[in-house]
Amino acid sequence: MKRFFFILFAGLVMAACGNQAGQQNETEVQAYTIEQLAHEPLSFEGQTVKFEGIIGHICQHSGDKMRVVQVDNDAFSMQVMLGDLMHNFSMEHEGSLVAVTGTLKTVVRNLDALEEAEAHDHDHDHEHEEGHDCASTTEAIKRMAEKGIDPDIRTYVELLAFEIK
């Protein structure tokens, strides 16, 4: 009987330690301001980020996204895709302070303009192929800037966790 309780106790201790490790991983996510994320979105692409802000708007049509505004500078905001967590939000949350943890995503919307500019570049010895993919988005942005093309980067966060404060 003692052996049974010892094994049970050991199992509980191991389970508790496992949960603490999971909680530590969540707390290791670095917090940023929305402004920091907006200025360097490509450097955060695909990373888990954390930030706080005021819920400025929740989409009434689909309910699957919201806009979070930086607390101390409303010139900066971030679109948050709610995904499976969308049912946790309602219009009543607009104006509330929220802590967001999610995966930052970027979409360069005018890469076609870069490809068009490259097609007209006479320094290339090859024909421009439709569907040409650039080696990396960062390189593409650099080439766009060199050609005077302003990159249009859509930045958003796919929500993983949140806390209404």
C-alpha atoms as a PDB file:
ATOM      1  CA  MET A   1       0.000   0.000   0.000  1.00  0.00           C
ATOM      2  CA  LYS A   2       2.867   2.394   0.795  1.00  0.00           C
ATOM      3  CA  ARG A   3       4.361   1.592  -2.581  1.00  0.00           C
ATOM      4  CA  PHE A   4       1.057   2.553  -4.309  1.00  0.00           C
ATOM      5  CA  PHE A   5       0.917   5.937  -2.544  1.00  0.00           C
ATOM      6  CA  PHE A   6       4.588   6.568  -3.279  1.00  0.00           C
ATOM      7  CA  ILE A   7       4.046   5.897  -7.003  1.00  0.00           C
ATOM      8  CA  LEU A   8       0.902   8.032  -6.989  1.00  0.00           C
ATOM      9  CA  PHE A   9       2.749  10.868  -5.208  1.00  0.00           C
ATOM     10  CA  ALA A  10       5.696  10.631  -7.629  1.00  0.00           C
ATOM     11  CA  GLY A  11       3.301  10.774 -10.576  1.00  0.00           C
ATOM     12  CA  LEU A  12       1.597  13.871  -9.197  1.00  0.00           C
ATOM     13  CA  VAL A  13       4.930  15.612  -8.643  1.00  0.00           C
ATOM     14  CA  MET A  14       6.049  14.824 -12.186  1.00  0.00           C
ATOM     15  CA  ALA A  15       2.742  16.050 -13.626  1.00  0.00           C
ATOM     16  CA  ALA A  16       2.988  19.286 -11.630  1.00  0.00           C
ATOM     17  CA  CYS A  17       6.540  19.878 -12.840  1.00  0.00           C
ATOM     18  CA  GLY A  18       5.431  19.287 -16.417  1.00  0.00           C
ATOM     19  CA  ASN A  19       2.723  21.948 -16.097  1.00  0.00           C
ATOM     20  CA  GLN A  20       5.192  24.437 -14.644  1.00  0.00           C
ATOM     21  CA  ALA A  21       7.527  23.901 -17.590  1.00  0.00           C
ATOM     22  CA  GLY A  22       4.640  24.674 -19.970  1.00  0.00           C
ATOM     23  CA  GLN A  23       3.816  27.829 -18.049  1.00  0.00           C
ATOM     24  CA  GLN A  24       7.445  28.936 -18.156  1.00  0.00           C
ATOM     25  CA  ASN A  25       7.493  28.602 -21.943  1.00  0.00           C
ATOM     26  CA  GLU A  26       4.488  30.938 -22.156  1.00  0.00           C
ATOM     27  CA  THR A  27       6.174  33.521 -19.912  1.00  0.00           C
ATOM     28  CA  GLU A  28       9.363  33.398 -22.025  1.00  0.00           C
ATOM     29  CA  VAL A  29       7.546  35.172 -24.871  1.00  0.00           C
ATOM     30  CA  GLN A  30       9.023  38.650 -25.065  1.00  0.00           C
ATOM     31  CA  ALA A  31       6.671  41.614 -24.767  1.00  0.00           C
ATOM     32  CA  TYR A  32       6.808  44.388 -27.359  1.00  0.00           C
ATOM     33  CA  THR A  33       4.902  47.549 -28.137  1.00  0.00           C
ATOM     34  CA  ILE A  34       2.743  47.619 -31.230  1.00  0.00           C
ATOM     35  CA  GLU A  35       5.015  50.384 -32.521  1.00  0.00           C
ATOM     36  CA  GLN A  36       8.072  48.093 -32.297  1.00  0.00           C
ATOM     37  CA  LEU A  37       6.259  45.366 -34.212  1.00  0.00           C
ATOM     38  CA  ALA A  38       5.024  47.844 -36.842  1.00  0.00           C
ATOM     39  CA  HIS A  39       8.492  49.300 -37.495  1.00  0.00           C
ATOM     40  CA  GLU A  40      10.233  45.936 -38.021  1.00  0.00           C
ATOM     41  CA  PRO A  41       7.483  43.458 -38.978  1.00  0.00           C
ATOM     42  CA  LEU A  42       9.655  41.228 -41.141  1.00  0.00           C
ATOM     43  CA  SER A  43      12.096  40.598 -38.308  1.00  0.00           C
ATOM     44  CA  PHE A  44       9.226  39.152 -36.237  1.00  0.00           C
ATOM     45  CA  GLU A  45       7.656  37.070 -39.045  1.00  0.00           C
ATOM     46  CA  GLY A  46       6.466  33.707 -37.727  1.00  0.00           C
ATOM     47  CA  GLN A  47       7.534  34.454 -34.145  1.00  0.00           C
ATOM     48  CA  THR A  48       5.333  34.347 -31.079  1.00  0.00           C
ATOM     49  CA  VAL A  49       4.982  37.889 -29.731  1.00  0.00           C
ATOM     50  CA  LYS A  50       3.179  39.522 -26.851  1.00  0.00           C
ATOM     51  CA  PHE A  51       1.784  43.047 -26.537  1.00  0.00           C
ATOM     52  CA  GLU A  52      -0.871  45.065 -24.732  1.00  0.00           C
ATOM     53  CA  GLY A  53      -3.351  47.524 -26.110  1.00  0.00           C
ATOM     54  CA  ILE A  54      -6.911  48.760 -26.163  1.00  0.00           C
ATOM     55  CA  ILE A  55      -9.455  46.849 -28.232  1.00  0.00           C
ATOM     56  CA  GLY A  56     -10.447  49.567 -30.677  1.00  0.00           C
ATOM     57  CA  HIS A  57     -12.736  47.530 -32.900  1.00  0.00           C
ATOM     58  CA  ILE A  58     -14.140  44.022 -33.207  1.00  0.00           C
ATOM     59  CA  CYS A  59     -15.419  43.071 -36.662  1.00  0.00           C
ATOM     60  CA  GLN A  60     -19.231  42.981 -36.536  1.00  0.00           C
ATOM     61  CA  HIS A  61     -19.582  41.068 -39.803  1.00  0.00           C
ATOM     62  CA  SER A  62     -17.405  38.006 -39.274  1.00  0.00           C
ATOM     63  CA  GLY A  63     -16.376  38.412 -35.632  1.00  0.00           C
ATOM     64  CA  ASP A  64     -13.067  36.764 -36.478  1.00  0.00           C
ATOM     65  CA  LYS A  65     -10.766  39.770 -36.058  1.00  0.00           C
ATOM     66  CA  MET A  66     -10.186  42.839 -33.954  1.00  0.00           C
ATOM     67  CA  ARG A  67      -7.954  45.898 -34.028  1.00  0.00           C
ATOM     68  CA  VAL A  68      -5.825  46.570 -30.937  1.00  0.00           C
ATOM     69  CA  VAL A  69      -4.506  50.123 -30.459  1.00  0.00           C
ATOM     70  CA  GLN A  70      -1.309  50.961 -28.580  1.00  0.00           C
ATOM     71  CA  VAL A  71      -2.150  52.476 -25.188  1.00  0.00           C
ATOM     72  CA  ASP A  72       0.200  55.470 -25.236  1.00  0.00           C
ATOM     73  CA  ASN A  73       0.175  56.170 -28.983  1.00  0.00           C
ATOM     74  CA  ASP A  74      -3.032  55.567 -30.914  1.00  0.00           C
ATOM     75  CA  ALA A  75      -1.201  56.090 -34.207  1.00  0.00           C
ATOM     76  CA  PHE A  76      -0.160  52.428 -33.938  1.00  0.00           C
ATOM     77  CA  SER A  77      -2.517  49.483 -34.040  1.00  0.00           C
ATOM     78  CA  MET A  78      -2.397  45.789 -34.903  1.00  0.00           C
ATOM     79  CA  GLN A  79      -4.978  43.547 -36.501  1.00  0.00           C
ATOM     80  CA  VAL A  80      -5.520  40.362 -34.486  1.00  0.00           C
ATOM     81  CA  MET A  81      -7.069  37.321 -36.136  1.00  0.00           C
ATOM     82  CA  LEU A  82      -9.117  35.616 -33.408  1.00  0.00           C
ATOM     83  CA  GLY A  83      -9.411  32.138 -34.941  1.00  0.00           C
ATOM     84  CA  ASP A  84     -10.897  29.558 -32.572  1.00  0.00           C
ATOM     85  CA  LEU A  85     -10.961  32.151 -29.759  1.00  0.00           C
ATOM     86  CA  MET A  86     -13.417  34.455 -31.555  1.00  0.00           C
ATOM     87  CA  HIS A  87     -16.332  33.323 -29.397  1.00  0.00           C
ATOM     88  CA  ASN A  88     -14.588  34.803 -26.345  1.00  0.00           C
ATOM     89  CA  PHE A  89     -15.051  38.342 -27.694  1.00  0.00           C
ATOM     90  CA  SER A  90     -18.067  40.593 -28.132  1.00  0.00           C
ATOM     91  CA  MET A  91     -18.697  44.259 -28.906  1.00  0.00           C
ATOM     92  CA  GLU A  92     -18.769  44.885 -25.157  1.00  0.00           C
ATOM     93  CA  HIS A  93     -14.989  44.292 -25.099  1.00  0.00           C
ATOM     94  CA  GLU A  94     -14.293  47.327 -27.276  1.00  0.00           C
ATOM     95  CA  GLY A  95     -12.387  49.855 -25.165  1.00  0.00           C
ATOM     96  CA  SER A  96     -10.966  47.153 -22.868  1.00  0.00           C
ATOM     97  CA  LEU A  97      -7.277  46.682 -22.170  1.00  0.00           C
ATOM     98  CA  VAL A  98      -6.088  43.337 -23.549  1.00  0.00           C
ATOM     99  CA  ALA A  99      -2.825  41.403 -23.413  1.00  0.00           C
ATOM    100  CA  VAL A 100      -2.334  39.489 -26.662  1.00  0.00           C
ATOM    101  CA  THR A 101      -0.016  36.563 -27.361  1.00  0.00           C
ATOM    102  CA  GLY A 102       0.135  35.319 -30.908  1.00  0.00           C
ATOM    103  CA  THR A 103       2.110  34.538 -34.028  1.00  0.00           C
ATOM    104  CA  LEU A 104       3.059  37.580 -36.084  1.00  0.00           C
ATOM    105  CA  LYS A 105       2.439  37.229 -39.830  1.00  0.00           C
ATOM    106  CA  THR A 106       3.274  39.526 -42.708  1.00  0.00           C
ATOM    107  CA  VAL A 107       2.044  39.679 -46.273  1.00  0.00           C
ATOM    108  CA  VAL A 108       3.807  41.863 -48.826  1.00  0.00           C
ATOM    109  CA  ARG A 109       0.881  42.915 -50.974  1.00  0.00           C
ATOM    110  CA  ASN A 110       2.749  44.482 -53.850  1.00  0.00           C
ATOM    111  CA  LEU A 111       5.427  41.912 -54.661  1.00  0.00           C
ATOM    112  CA  ASP A 112       3.917  41.903 -58.146  1.00  0.00           C
ATOM    113  CA  ALA A 113       5.154  45.500 -58.508  1.00  0.00           C
ATOM    114  CA  LEU A 114       8.665  44.319 -57.681  1.00  0.00           C
ATOM    115  CA  GLU A 115       8.427  41.512 -60.221  1.00  0.00           C
ATOM    116  CA  GLU A 116       7.187  43.980 -62.835  1.00  0.00           C
ATOM    117  CA  ALA A 117      10.106  46.314 -62.088  1.00  0.00           C
ATOM    118  CA  GLU A 118      12.538  43.405 -62.389  1.00  0.00           C
ATOM    119  CA  ALA A 119      10.989  42.404 -65.720  1.00  0.00           C
ATOM    120  CA  HIS A 120      11.824  45.847 -67.098  1.00  0.00           C
ATOM    121  CA  ASP A 121      15.361  45.788 -65.725  1.00  0.00           C
ATOM    122  CA  HIS A 122      17.651  45.432 -68.762  1.00  0.00           C
ATOM    123  CA  ASP A 123      20.591  44.283 -66.640  1.00  0.00           C
ATOM    124  CA  HIS A 124      19.052  40.795 -66.385  1.00  0.00           C
ATOM    125  CA  ASP A 125      20.061  38.228 -68.990  1.00  0.00           C
ATOM    126  CA  HIS A 126      16.997  36.055 -68.435  1.00  0.00           C
ATOM    127  CA  GLU A 127      13.335  36.331 -69.229  1.00  0.00           C
ATOM    128  CA  HIS A 128      11.112  37.108 -66.269  1.00  0.00           C
ATOM    129  CA  GLU A 129       9.065  34.045 -65.409  1.00  0.00           C
ATOM    130  CA  GLU A 130       5.527  34.314 -64.096  1.00  0.00           C
ATOM    131  CA  GLY A 131       5.275  33.118 -60.516  1.00  0.00           C
ATOM    132  CA  HIS A 132       8.928  33.912 -59.805  1.00  0.00           C
ATOM    133  CA  ASP A 133       9.517  33.715 -56.069  1.00  0.00           C
ATOM    134  CA  CYS A 134      12.097  35.931 -54.442  1.00  0.00           C
ATOM    135  CA  ALA A 135      14.705  34.231 -52.265  1.00  0.00           C
ATOM    136  CA  SER A 136      13.300  35.957 -49.205  1.00  0.00           C
ATOM    137  CA  THR A 137      10.804  38.647 -48.392  1.00  0.00           C
ATOM    138  CA  THR A 138      13.530  40.766 -46.797  1.00  0.00           C
ATOM    139  CA  GLU A 139      15.583  40.670 -50.004  1.00  0.00           C
ATOM    140  CA  ALA A 140      12.493  41.524 -52.014  1.00  0.00           C
ATOM    141  CA  ILE A 141      11.779  44.543 -49.820  1.00  0.00           C
ATOM    142  CA  LYS A 142      15.363  45.724 -50.246  1.00  0.00           C
ATOM    143  CA  ARG A 143      15.126  45.449 -54.028  1.00  0.00           C
ATOM    144  CA  MET A 144      11.792  47.252 -53.972  1.00  0.00           C
ATOM    145  CA  ALA A 145      13.321  50.146 -52.050  1.00  0.00           C
ATOM    146  CA  GLU A 146      16.265  50.316 -54.481  1.00  0.00           C
ATOM    147  CA  LYS A 147      13.782  50.646 -57.355  1.00  0.00           C
ATOM    148  CA  GLY A 148      11.741  53.284 -55.538  1.00  0.00           C
ATOM    149  CA  ILE A 149       8.811  50.958 -54.863  1.00  0.00           C
ATOM    150  CA  ASP A 150       7.163  51.498 -51.496  1.00  0.00           C
ATOM    151  CA  PRO A 151       6.479  48.059 -49.982  1.00  0.00           C
ATOM    152  CA  ASP A 152       2.925  47.564 -48.794  1.00  0.00           C
ATOM    153  CA  ILE A 153       3.265  45.173 -45.866  1.00  0.00           C
ATOM    154  CA  ARG A 154       0.143  43.878 -44.123  1.00  0.00           C
ATOM    155  CA  THR A 155       0.993  42.824 -40.583  1.00  0.00           C
ATOM    156  CA  TYR A 156      -1.322  40.862 -38.313  1.00  0.00           C
ATOM    157  CA  VAL A 157      -1.209  38.485 -35.374  1.00  0.00           C
ATOM    158  CA  GLU A 158      -2.874  35.083 -35.171  1.00  0.00           C
ATOM    159  CA  LEU A 159      -4.178  34.918 -31.591  1.00  0.00           C
ATOM    160  CA  LEU A 160      -2.881  32.122 -29.372  1.00  0.00           C
ATOM    161  CA  ALA A 161      -3.809  33.486 -25.933  1.00  0.00           C
ATOM    162  CA  PHE A 162      -5.210  36.641 -24.395  1.00  0.00           C
ATOM    163  CA  GLU A 163      -6.113  38.289 -21.119  1.00  0.00           C
ATOM    164  CA  ILE A 164      -8.708  41.047 -20.742  1.00  0.00           C
ATOM    165  CA  LYS A 165      -7.414  43.345 -18.034  1.00  0.00           C
END
